[in-house]
Amino acid sequence: DWIGLDVKAANVDYARVAGAACGQRVLRSLDILVDSSMAFETRTTWHAGLFPEASLIDLAQTLARAGVAHFVLQRARQPIAQAAVPVEWVRSAGPTQDTLQKLNQLFVTFESRG
């Protein structure tokens, strides 16, 4: 058994990205997970239209300082039902190799999906 925790953005961007000002609650949930013995993965779905790569790195550094060992970066993609994600996001490039290397260095395991 394990838990997957979606972290949409840094606290400062959470309300804009997720549509709800719940960043502090997500961080509290993360604290509970880190203090537990439960296996967990933390993941963020990203596109430059949501927030810049520098903010992605800042978010990852915050997660690493909080004790996250397993981080997954998911590229934004076109949903099956309604187009909540603009098509141009789906077709654009993901983060740079430099950003991916920085993220990889922060965690025990790092995976880029999509």
Protein backbone atom coordinates (compact mmCIF):
# COMPACT_ATOMS: atom_id res chain seq x y z
CA ASP A 1 0.00 0.00 0.00
CA TRP A 2 1.09 3.54 -0.67
CA ILE A 3 -0.35 7.04 -1.01
CA GLY A 4 -0.02 9.44 -3.93
CA LEU A 5 -0.13 13.11 -2.92
CA ASP A 6 -0.76 15.64 -5.68
CA VAL A 7 0.89 18.96 -4.96
CA LYS A 8 -0.43 21.41 -7.53
CA ALA A 9 1.93 24.32 -6.87
CA ALA A 10 3.86 26.22 -4.27
CA ASN A 11 1.65 27.71 -1.57
CA VAL A 12 1.88 31.19 -3.11
CA ASP A 13 0.50 29.88 -6.44
CA TYR A 14 -1.90 27.26 -5.09
CA ALA A 15 -5.18 29.17 -5.30
CA ARG A 16 -4.51 30.32 -8.86
CA VAL A 17 -3.36 26.92 -10.14
CA ALA A 18 -5.75 24.65 -8.22
CA GLY A 19 -8.74 26.95 -7.96
CA ALA A 20 -8.76 26.66 -4.16
CA ALA A 21 -6.61 28.23 -1.47
CA CYS A 22 -5.66 24.94 0.13
CA GLY A 23 -1.87 24.99 -0.13
CA GLN A 24 -1.38 25.06 3.63
CA ARG A 25 -3.65 22.03 4.05
CA VAL A 26 -1.69 20.14 1.42
CA LEU A 27 1.57 20.95 3.25
CA ARG A 28 0.00 19.76 6.51
CA SER A 29 -1.00 16.51 4.81
CA LEU A 30 2.56 16.19 3.59
CA ASP A 31 3.88 16.65 7.13
CA ILE A 32 1.58 13.87 8.33
CA LEU A 33 2.78 11.55 5.55
CA VAL A 34 6.45 12.28 6.21
CA ASP A 35 5.96 11.55 9.93
CA SER A 36 4.12 8.29 9.20
CA SER A 37 5.50 4.93 8.16
CA MET A 38 3.30 4.87 5.05
CA ALA A 39 5.01 4.73 1.66
CA PHE A 40 4.08 7.71 -0.49
CA GLU A 41 4.80 9.46 -3.75
CA THR A 42 4.47 13.19 -4.23
CA ARG A 43 3.64 14.40 -7.72
CA THR A 44 3.06 17.64 -9.54
CA THR A 45 1.44 18.13 -12.93
CA TRP A 46 3.28 20.95 -14.67
CA HIS A 47 3.34 23.18 -17.70
CA ALA A 48 5.04 26.55 -18.09
CA GLY A 49 1.58 28.09 -18.51
CA LEU A 50 0.82 27.15 -14.89
CA PHE A 51 4.02 28.54 -13.39
CA PRO A 52 7.62 28.99 -14.57
CA GLU A 53 10.41 26.44 -14.25
CA ALA A 54 12.05 28.50 -11.51
CA SER A 55 8.89 28.10 -9.42
CA LEU A 56 8.88 24.37 -10.17
CA ILE A 57 12.43 24.11 -8.82
CA ASP A 58 11.45 26.16 -5.74
CA LEU A 59 8.49 23.85 -5.15
CA ALA A 60 10.70 20.77 -5.48
CA GLN A 61 13.23 22.24 -3.04
CA THR A 62 10.42 22.89 -0.56
CA LEU A 63 9.23 19.30 -0.91
CA ALA A 64 12.75 17.91 -0.49
CA ARG A 65 13.30 20.02 2.66
CA ALA A 66 9.99 18.69 4.00
CA GLY A 67 11.29 15.14 3.67
CA VAL A 68 9.91 13.97 0.33
CA ALA A 69 12.03 11.14 -1.08
CA HIS A 70 9.94 10.17 -4.15
CA PHE A 71 8.82 12.90 -6.56
CA VAL A 72 7.10 12.58 -9.92
CA LEU A 73 6.74 15.38 -12.43
CA GLN A 74 3.78 14.85 -14.76
CA ARG A 75 3.37 16.86 -17.95
CA ALA A 76 -0.03 18.48 -18.41
CA ARG A 77 -2.04 16.64 -21.05
CA GLN A 78 -5.36 16.90 -22.83
CA PRO A 79 -8.16 15.42 -20.69
CA ILE A 80 -10.49 12.95 -22.38
CA ALA A 81 -13.71 14.77 -21.50
CA GLN A 82 -13.40 18.55 -21.61
CA ALA A 83 -10.36 20.56 -22.61
CA ALA A 84 -9.41 22.00 -19.23
CA VAL A 85 -5.81 22.12 -20.43
CA PRO A 86 -5.19 24.24 -23.54
CA VAL A 87 -4.12 22.19 -26.56
CA GLU A 88 -0.96 24.27 -27.03
CA TRP A 89 0.20 23.09 -23.61
CA VAL A 90 -0.10 19.49 -24.65
CA ARG A 91 2.02 20.03 -27.76
CA SER A 92 4.73 22.12 -26.15
CA ALA A 93 8.02 20.98 -24.71
CA GLY A 94 8.39 20.01 -21.09
CA PRO A 95 10.96 21.42 -18.71
CA THR A 96 14.56 21.79 -19.82
CA GLN A 97 17.14 19.07 -19.23
CA ASP A 98 18.82 21.40 -16.73
CA THR A 99 15.62 21.60 -14.69
CA LEU A 100 15.13 17.83 -14.85
CA GLN A 101 18.71 17.30 -13.62
CA LYS A 102 18.14 19.71 -10.72
CA LEU A 103 14.96 17.89 -9.74
CA ASN A 104 16.69 14.52 -9.99
CA GLN A 105 19.39 15.64 -7.55
CA LEU A 106 16.83 16.62 -4.89
CA PHE A 107 15.15 13.24 -4.36
CA VAL A 108 15.98 9.60 -3.70
CA THR A 109 13.86 8.81 -6.76
CA PHE A 110 12.64 11.22 -9.40
CA GLU A 111 10.50 10.36 -12.40
CA SER A 112 9.22 12.48 -15.27
CA ARG A 113 5.96 11.17 -16.78
CA GLY A 114 4.24 12.18 -19.97
